[in-house]
Amino acid sequence: MKSKLYVKQYNLAQCSINGKNWFEISELSALCCINDHYLADNLDSILDHYNKGHIVPVEYVLYRKKLDVN
């Protein structure tokens, strides 16, 4: 269970295997996976794509930033 402090300090990301069912994870975990996978490529453009809310594939898992809907 996430504490309020944890959610406040770190944003949430979402991950999916099939692109239909999305699960919340810590954004730190998602960014570590993205960084490890795309390190040899142009990581800046990948992170820009992620920050705009688009889906970033990492092997068999899809990641996307959880955008506030307020």
PDB file of N, CA and C in Angstrom:
ATOM      1  N   MET A   1       0.828  -1.178   0.000  1.00  0.00           N
ATOM      2  CA  MET A   1       0.000   0.000   0.000  1.00  0.00           C
ATOM      3  C   MET A   1       0.875   1.245   0.000  1.00  0.00           C
ATOM      4  N   LYS A   2       0.525   2.222  -0.811  1.00  0.00           N
ATOM      5  CA  LYS A   2       1.325   3.430  -0.924  1.00  0.00           C
ATOM      6  C   LYS A   2       0.937   4.432   0.165  1.00  0.00           C
ATOM      7  N   SER A   3       1.923   5.013   0.806  1.00  0.00           N
ATOM      8  CA  SER A   3       1.618   6.062   1.772  1.00  0.00           C
ATOM      9  C   SER A   3       1.411   7.373   1.021  1.00  0.00           C
ATOM     10  N   LYS A   4       0.750   8.328   1.679  1.00  0.00           N
ATOM     11  CA  LYS A   4       0.505   9.626   1.043  1.00  0.00           C
ATOM     12  C   LYS A   4       1.823  10.324   0.737  1.00  0.00           C
ATOM     13  N   LEU A   5       2.786  10.192   1.625  1.00  0.00           N
ATOM     14  CA  LEU A   5       4.084  10.818   1.416  1.00  0.00           C
ATOM     15  C   LEU A   5       4.762  10.251   0.178  1.00  0.00           C
ATOM     16  N   TYR A   6       4.701   8.943   0.007  1.00  0.00           N
ATOM     17  CA  TYR A   6       5.323   8.305  -1.148  1.00  0.00           C
ATOM     18  C   TYR A   6       4.706   8.812  -2.439  1.00  0.00           C
ATOM     19  N   VAL A   7       3.393   8.886  -2.497  1.00  0.00           N
ATOM     20  CA  VAL A   7       2.715   9.353  -3.709  1.00  0.00           C
ATOM     21  C   VAL A   7       3.030  10.819  -3.958  1.00  0.00           C
ATOM     22  N   LYS A   8       3.175  11.589  -2.892  1.00  0.00           N
ATOM     23  CA  LYS A   8       3.465  13.012  -3.035  1.00  0.00           C
ATOM     24  C   LYS A   8       4.882  13.238  -3.582  1.00  0.00           C
ATOM     25  N   GLN A   9       5.833  12.439  -3.133  1.00  0.00           N
ATOM     26  CA  GLN A   9       7.223  12.622  -3.538  1.00  0.00           C
ATOM     27  C   GLN A   9       7.485  12.107  -4.950  1.00  0.00           C
ATOM     28  N   TYR A  10       6.823  11.072  -5.333  1.00  0.00           N
ATOM     29  CA  TYR A  10       7.080  10.447  -6.624  1.00  0.00           C
ATOM     30  C   TYR A  10       5.785  10.393  -7.421  1.00  0.00           C
ATOM     31  N   ASN A  11       5.873  10.713  -8.674  1.00  0.00           N
ATOM     32  CA  ASN A  11       4.704  10.588  -9.536  1.00  0.00           C
ATOM     33  C   ASN A  11       4.443   9.120  -9.822  1.00  0.00           C
ATOM     34  N   LEU A  12       3.299   8.859 -10.388  1.00  0.00           N
ATOM     35  CA  LEU A  12       2.949   7.493 -10.748  1.00  0.00           C
ATOM     36  C   LEU A  12       3.051   7.314 -12.249  1.00  0.00           C
ATOM     37  N   ALA A  13       3.398   6.124 -12.639  1.00  0.00           N
ATOM     38  CA  ALA A  13       3.399   5.738 -14.042  1.00  0.00           C
ATOM     39  C   ALA A  13       2.437   4.566 -14.165  1.00  0.00           C
ATOM     40  N   GLN A  14       2.209   4.144 -15.390  1.00  0.00           N
ATOM     41  CA  GLN A  14       1.370   2.983 -15.630  1.00  0.00           C
ATOM     42  C   GLN A  14       2.119   2.016 -16.535  1.00  0.00           C
ATOM     43  N   CYS A  15       1.887   0.738 -16.320  1.00  0.00           N
ATOM     44  CA  CYS A  15       2.506  -0.263 -17.180  1.00  0.00           C
ATOM     45  C   CYS A  15       1.448  -1.271 -17.622  1.00  0.00           C
ATOM     46  N   SER A  16       1.707  -1.868 -18.778  1.00  0.00           N
ATOM     47  CA  SER A  16       0.770  -2.832 -19.344  1.00  0.00           C
ATOM     48  C   SER A  16       1.536  -3.845 -20.186  1.00  0.00           C
ATOM     49  N   ILE A  17       1.008  -5.032 -20.263  1.00  0.00           N
ATOM     50  CA  ILE A  17       1.588  -6.048 -21.145  1.00  0.00           C
ATOM     51  C   ILE A  17       0.782  -6.146 -22.432  1.00  0.00           C
ATOM     52  N   ASN A  18      -0.518  -5.890 -22.333  1.00  0.00           N
ATOM     53  CA  ASN A  18      -1.372  -6.046 -23.513  1.00  0.00           C
ATOM     54  C   ASN A  18      -1.909  -4.723 -24.071  1.00  0.00           C
ATOM     55  N   GLY A  19      -1.611  -3.607 -23.423  1.00  0.00           N
ATOM     56  CA  GLY A  19      -2.092  -2.310 -23.893  1.00  0.00           C
ATOM     57  C   GLY A  19      -3.536  -2.022 -23.531  1.00  0.00           C
ATOM     58  N   LYS A  20      -4.176  -2.951 -22.833  1.00  0.00           N
ATOM     59  CA  LYS A  20      -5.574  -2.761 -22.422  1.00  0.00           C
ATOM     60  C   LYS A  20      -5.687  -2.589 -20.917  1.00  0.00           C
ATOM     61  N   ASN A  21      -5.027  -3.449 -20.188  1.00  0.00           N
ATOM     62  CA  ASN A  21      -5.054  -3.385 -18.723  1.00  0.00           C
ATOM     63  C   ASN A  21      -3.810  -2.649 -18.233  1.00  0.00           C
ATOM     64  N   TRP A  22      -4.013  -1.522 -17.576  1.00  0.00           N
ATOM     65  CA  TRP A  22      -2.914  -0.689 -17.101  1.00  0.00           C
ATOM     66  C   TRP A  22      -2.855  -0.731 -15.580  1.00  0.00           C
ATOM     67  N   PHE A  23      -1.642  -0.840 -15.052  1.00  0.00           N
ATOM     68  CA  PHE A  23      -1.431  -0.921 -13.616  1.00  0.00           C
ATOM     69  C   PHE A  23      -0.525   0.221 -13.174  1.00  0.00           C
ATOM     70  N   GLU A  24      -0.820   0.793 -12.021  1.00  0.00           N
ATOM     71  CA  GLU A  24      -0.009   1.887 -11.493  1.00  0.00           C
ATOM     72  C   GLU A  24       1.250   1.346 -10.843  1.00  0.00           C
ATOM     73  N   ILE A  25       2.362   1.981 -11.163  1.00  0.00           N
ATOM     74  CA  ILE A  25       3.638   1.662 -10.522  1.00  0.00           C
ATOM     75  C   ILE A  25       4.313   2.982 -10.206  1.00  0.00           C
ATOM     76  N   SER A  26       5.402   2.941  -9.491  1.00  0.00           N
ATOM     77  CA  SER A  26       6.125   4.183  -9.220  1.00  0.00           C
ATOM     78  C   SER A  26       6.806   4.647 -10.514  1.00  0.00           C
ATOM     79  N   GLU A  27       6.811   5.946 -10.709  1.00  0.00           N
ATOM     80  CA  GLU A  27       7.448   6.482 -11.904  1.00  0.00           C
ATOM     81  C   GLU A  27       8.946   6.208 -11.886  1.00  0.00           C
ATOM     82  N   LEU A  28       9.511   6.145 -10.709  1.00  0.00           N
ATOM     83  CA  LEU A  28      10.942   5.850 -10.591  1.00  0.00           C
ATOM     84  C   LEU A  28      11.258   4.483 -11.186  1.00  0.00           C
ATOM     85  N   SER A  29      10.409   3.503 -10.928  1.00  0.00           N
ATOM     86  CA  SER A  29      10.606   2.162 -11.495  1.00  0.00           C
ATOM     87  C   SER A  29      10.512   2.190 -13.014  1.00  0.00           C
ATOM     88  N   ALA A  30       9.508   2.898 -13.522  1.00  0.00           N
ATOM     89  CA  ALA A  30       9.337   2.993 -14.976  1.00  0.00           C
ATOM     90  C   ALA A  30      10.526   3.671 -15.625  1.00  0.00           C
ATOM     91  N   LEU A  31      10.997   4.764 -15.038  1.00  0.00           N
ATOM     92  CA  LEU A  31      12.120   5.497 -15.626  1.00  0.00           C
ATOM     93  C   LEU A  31      13.407   4.692 -15.581  1.00  0.00           C
ATOM     94  N   CYS A  32      13.597   3.894 -14.561  1.00  0.00           N
ATOM     95  CA  CYS A  32      14.778   3.021 -14.498  1.00  0.00           C
ATOM     96  C   CYS A  32      14.740   1.995 -15.624  1.00  0.00           C
ATOM     97  N   CYS A  33      13.584   1.402 -15.870  1.00  0.00           N
ATOM     98  CA  CYS A  33      13.449   0.427 -16.952  1.00  0.00           C
ATOM     99  C   CYS A  33      13.679   1.075 -18.312  1.00  0.00           C
ATOM    100  N   ILE A  34      13.089   2.250 -18.511  1.00  0.00           N
ATOM    101  CA  ILE A  34      13.254   2.968 -19.783  1.00  0.00           C
ATOM    102  C   ILE A  34      14.713   3.345 -19.991  1.00  0.00           C
ATOM    103  N   ASN A  35      15.340   3.861 -18.938  1.00  0.00           N
ATOM    104  CA  ASN A  35      16.741   4.272 -19.035  1.00  0.00           C
ATOM    105  C   ASN A  35      17.644   3.087 -19.363  1.00  0.00           C
ATOM    106  N   ASP A  36      17.439   1.971 -18.680  1.00  0.00           N
ATOM    107  CA  ASP A  36      18.268   0.782 -18.923  1.00  0.00           C
ATOM    108  C   ASP A  36      18.110   0.264 -20.346  1.00  0.00           C
ATOM    109  N   HIS A  37      16.893   0.358 -20.887  1.00  0.00           N
ATOM    110  CA  HIS A  37      16.625  -0.188 -22.214  1.00  0.00           C
ATOM    111  C   HIS A  37      17.096   0.732 -23.338  1.00  0.00           C
ATOM    112  N   TYR A  38      16.926   2.034 -23.178  1.00  0.00           N
ATOM    113  CA  TYR A  38      17.205   2.982 -24.257  1.00  0.00           C
ATOM    114  C   TYR A  38      18.511   3.750 -24.083  1.00  0.00           C
ATOM    115  N   LEU A  39      19.338   3.359 -23.143  1.00  0.00           N
ATOM    116  CA  LEU A  39      20.548   4.108 -22.835  1.00  0.00           C
ATOM    117  C   LEU A  39      21.438   4.326 -24.051  1.00  0.00           C
ATOM    118  N   ALA A  40      21.542   3.333 -24.908  1.00  0.00           N
ATOM    119  CA  ALA A  40      22.413   3.458 -26.089  1.00  0.00           C
ATOM    120  C   ALA A  40      21.774   4.306 -27.182  1.00  0.00           C
ATOM    121  N   ASP A  41      20.469   4.491 -27.129  1.00  0.00           N
ATOM    122  CA  ASP A  41      19.763   5.292 -28.133  1.00  0.00           C
ATOM    123  C   ASP A  41      19.685   6.742 -27.673  1.00  0.00           C
ATOM    124  N   ASN A  42      18.870   7.517 -28.357  1.00  0.00           N
ATOM    125  CA  ASN A  42      18.685   8.911 -27.979  1.00  0.00           C
ATOM    126  C   ASN A  42      17.679   8.981 -26.836  1.00  0.00           C
ATOM    127  N   LEU A  43      18.193   8.874 -25.610  1.00  0.00           N
ATOM    128  CA  LEU A  43      17.332   8.819 -24.431  1.00  0.00           C
ATOM    129  C   LEU A  43      16.518  10.095 -24.267  1.00  0.00           C
ATOM    130  N   ASP A  44      17.076  11.244 -24.649  1.00  0.00           N
ATOM    131  CA  ASP A  44      16.344  12.512 -24.506  1.00  0.00           C
ATOM    132  C   ASP A  44      15.041  12.501 -25.286  1.00  0.00           C
ATOM    133  N   SER A  45      15.067  12.008 -26.499  1.00  0.00           N
ATOM    134  CA  SER A  45      13.843  11.995 -27.307  1.00  0.00           C
ATOM    135  C   SER A  45      12.842  10.980 -26.761  1.00  0.00           C
ATOM    136  N   ILE A  46      13.334   9.870 -26.208  1.00  0.00           N
ATOM    137  CA  ILE A  46      12.452   8.871 -25.608  1.00  0.00           C
ATOM    138  C   ILE A  46      11.777   9.458 -24.373  1.00  0.00           C
ATOM    139  N   LEU A  47      12.528  10.154 -23.530  1.00  0.00           N
ATOM    140  CA  LEU A  47      11.951  10.753 -22.329  1.00  0.00           C
ATOM    141  C   LEU A  47      10.991  11.884 -22.675  1.00  0.00           C
ATOM    142  N   ASP A  48      11.281  12.624 -23.728  1.00  0.00           N
ATOM    143  CA  ASP A  48      10.357  13.669 -24.183  1.00  0.00           C
ATOM    144  C   ASP A  48       9.038  13.037 -24.621  1.00  0.00           C
ATOM    145  N   HIS A  49       9.122  11.943 -25.343  1.00  0.00           N
ATOM    146  CA  HIS A  49       7.940  11.199 -25.785  1.00  0.00           C
ATOM    147  C   HIS A  49       7.134  10.712 -24.566  1.00  0.00           C
ATOM    148  N   TYR A  50       7.831  10.175 -23.568  1.00  0.00           N
ATOM    149  CA  TYR A  50       7.200   9.693 -22.342  1.00  0.00           C
ATOM    150  C   TYR A  50       6.533  10.844 -21.588  1.00  0.00           C
ATOM    151  N   ASN A  51       7.233  11.970 -21.455  1.00  0.00           N
ATOM    152  CA  ASN A  51       6.711  13.112 -20.702  1.00  0.00           C
ATOM    153  C   ASN A  51       5.471  13.731 -21.338  1.00  0.00           C
ATOM    154  N   LYS A  52       5.281  13.515 -22.622  1.00  0.00           N
ATOM    155  CA  LYS A  52       4.079  14.009 -23.298  1.00  0.00           C
ATOM    156  C   LYS A  52       2.898  13.064 -23.096  1.00  0.00           C
ATOM    157  N   GLY A  53       3.132  11.940 -22.399  1.00  0.00           N
ATOM    158  CA  GLY A  53       2.062  10.993 -22.098  1.00  0.00           C
ATOM    159  C   GLY A  53       1.941   9.847 -23.078  1.00  0.00           C
ATOM    160  N   HIS A  54       2.888   9.736 -24.007  1.00  0.00           N
ATOM    161  CA  HIS A  54       2.839   8.664 -24.993  1.00  0.00           C
ATOM    162  C   HIS A  54       3.382   7.360 -24.410  1.00  0.00           C
ATOM    163  N   ILE A  55       3.065   6.277 -25.060  1.00  0.00           N
ATOM    164  CA  ILE A  55       3.491   4.950 -24.619  1.00  0.00           C
ATOM    165  C   ILE A  55       4.923   4.678 -25.068  1.00  0.00           C
ATOM    166  N   VAL A  56       5.729   4.147 -24.148  1.00  0.00           N
ATOM    167  CA  VAL A  56       7.113   3.773 -24.447  1.00  0.00           C
ATOM    168  C   VAL A  56       7.250   2.261 -24.226  1.00  0.00           C
ATOM    169  N   PRO A  57       7.530   1.506 -25.291  1.00  0.00           N
ATOM    170  CA  PRO A  57       7.704   0.059 -25.124  1.00  0.00           C
ATOM    171  C   PRO A  57       9.112  -0.278 -24.616  1.00  0.00           C
ATOM    172  N   VAL A  58       9.172  -1.183 -23.659  1.00  0.00           N
ATOM    173  CA  VAL A  58      10.447  -1.698 -23.150  1.00  0.00           C
ATOM    174  C   VAL A  58      10.322  -3.212 -23.142  1.00  0.00           C
ATOM    175  N   GLU A  59      10.917  -3.840 -24.132  1.00  0.00           N
ATOM    176  CA  GLU A  59      10.805  -5.282 -24.335  1.00  0.00           C
ATOM    177  C   GLU A  59       9.331  -5.664 -24.416  1.00  0.00           C
ATOM    178  N   TYR A  60       8.810  -6.394 -23.440  1.00  0.00           N
ATOM    179  CA  TYR A  60       7.418  -6.857 -23.518  1.00  0.00           C
ATOM    180  C   TYR A  60       6.460  -6.032 -22.665  1.00  0.00           C
ATOM    181  N   VAL A  61       6.934  -4.914 -22.125  1.00  0.00           N
ATOM    182  CA  VAL A  61       6.107  -4.093 -21.240  1.00  0.00           C
ATOM    183  C   VAL A  61       5.961  -2.699 -21.830  1.00  0.00           C
ATOM    184  N   LEU A  62       4.763  -2.153 -21.734  1.00  0.00           N
ATOM    185  CA  LEU A  62       4.501  -0.789 -22.175  1.00  0.00           C
ATOM    186  C   LEU A  62       4.436   0.114 -20.944  1.00  0.00           C
ATOM    187  N   TYR A  63       5.057   1.285 -21.052  1.00  0.00           N
ATOM    188  CA  TYR A  63       5.036   2.255 -19.954  1.00  0.00           C
ATOM    189  C   TYR A  63       4.466   3.567 -20.461  1.00  0.00           C
ATOM    190  N   ARG A  64       3.757   4.259 -19.593  1.00  0.00           N
ATOM    191  CA  ARG A  64       3.302   5.613 -19.909  1.00  0.00           C
ATOM    192  C   ARG A  64       3.183   6.397 -18.610  1.00  0.00           C
ATOM    193  N   LYS A  65       3.355   7.693 -18.748  1.00  0.00           N
ATOM    194  CA  LYS A  65       3.236   8.590 -17.606  1.00  0.00           C
ATOM    195  C   LYS A  65       1.766   8.695 -17.236  1.00  0.00           C
ATOM    196  N   LYS A  66       1.476   8.676 -15.941  1.00  0.00           N
ATOM    197  CA  LYS A  66       0.091   8.875 -15.515  1.00  0.00           C
ATOM    198  C   LYS A  66      -0.143  10.379 -15.436  1.00  0.00           C
ATOM    199  N   LEU A  67      -0.929  10.885 -16.350  1.00  0.00           N
ATOM    200  CA  LEU A  67      -1.199  12.319 -16.409  1.00  0.00           C
ATOM    201  C   LEU A  67      -2.360  12.662 -15.495  1.00  0.00           C
ATOM    202  N   ASP A  68      -2.251  13.811 -14.825  1.00  0.00           N
ATOM    203  CA  ASP A  68      -3.357  14.289 -13.996  1.00  0.00           C
ATOM    204  C   ASP A  68      -4.507  14.701 -14.892  1.00  0.00           C
ATOM    205  N   VAL A  69      -5.700  14.364 -14.484  1.00  0.00           N
ATOM    206  CA  VAL A  69      -6.872  14.718 -15.261  1.00  0.00           C
ATOM    207  C   VAL A  69      -7.641  15.869 -14.624  1.00  0.00           C
ATOM    208  N   ASN A  70      -7.019  16.565 -13.686  1.00  0.00           N
ATOM    209  CA  ASN A  70      -7.681  17.698 -13.015  1.00  0.00           C
ATOM    210  C   ASN A  70      -7.756  18.893 -13.923  1.00  0.00           C
TER     211      ASN A  70
END
